[in-house]
Amino acid sequence: MYTIIISLTAQKEEAEAYLFYEKISDGLGERFLEEVENALEKIAANPTHYSYVDSTNSLRDLALEKFPFVIIYEILADKIIVTNIHHTKKELK
C-alpha cells in the first residue's frame, strides 16, 4: 500500500476550493472534500492506472467527477506525492 503525502501547495489549493464552494452553498465545500478523498483512495488503490501528464513521465492526474478539478501526483517508491489539486478552467476568487 502507498502512503499519500499532500504537498503544501495542494493543501492550499484544496482549502481555497473548499472556502470557495462553501461561499456558494453551505455543505458544497464538504462535498468537494469528500470527492477529493474518494479520488485519493482511488489513486492509492491503483496509482499506475492514471495517465502521465508530463513529457518526463513522472506526473499523473485524476480528474474529479463532479467538480472541475484535477489531482496531479507522482509515485516515488512507496509514496504518492500529490503536487496539485487545481481548477481546470479558472482561478478561484
Foldseek 3Di string as FASTA:
>chain_A
DAAEAEDPAAVVQLVLVLVLLCVVDNPRSVVVVVQVVVVVVVCLVPVVPFDADDPVRFKGWDAGDPAQWIWIWGDDPRYIYTHHIHHPPDDRD
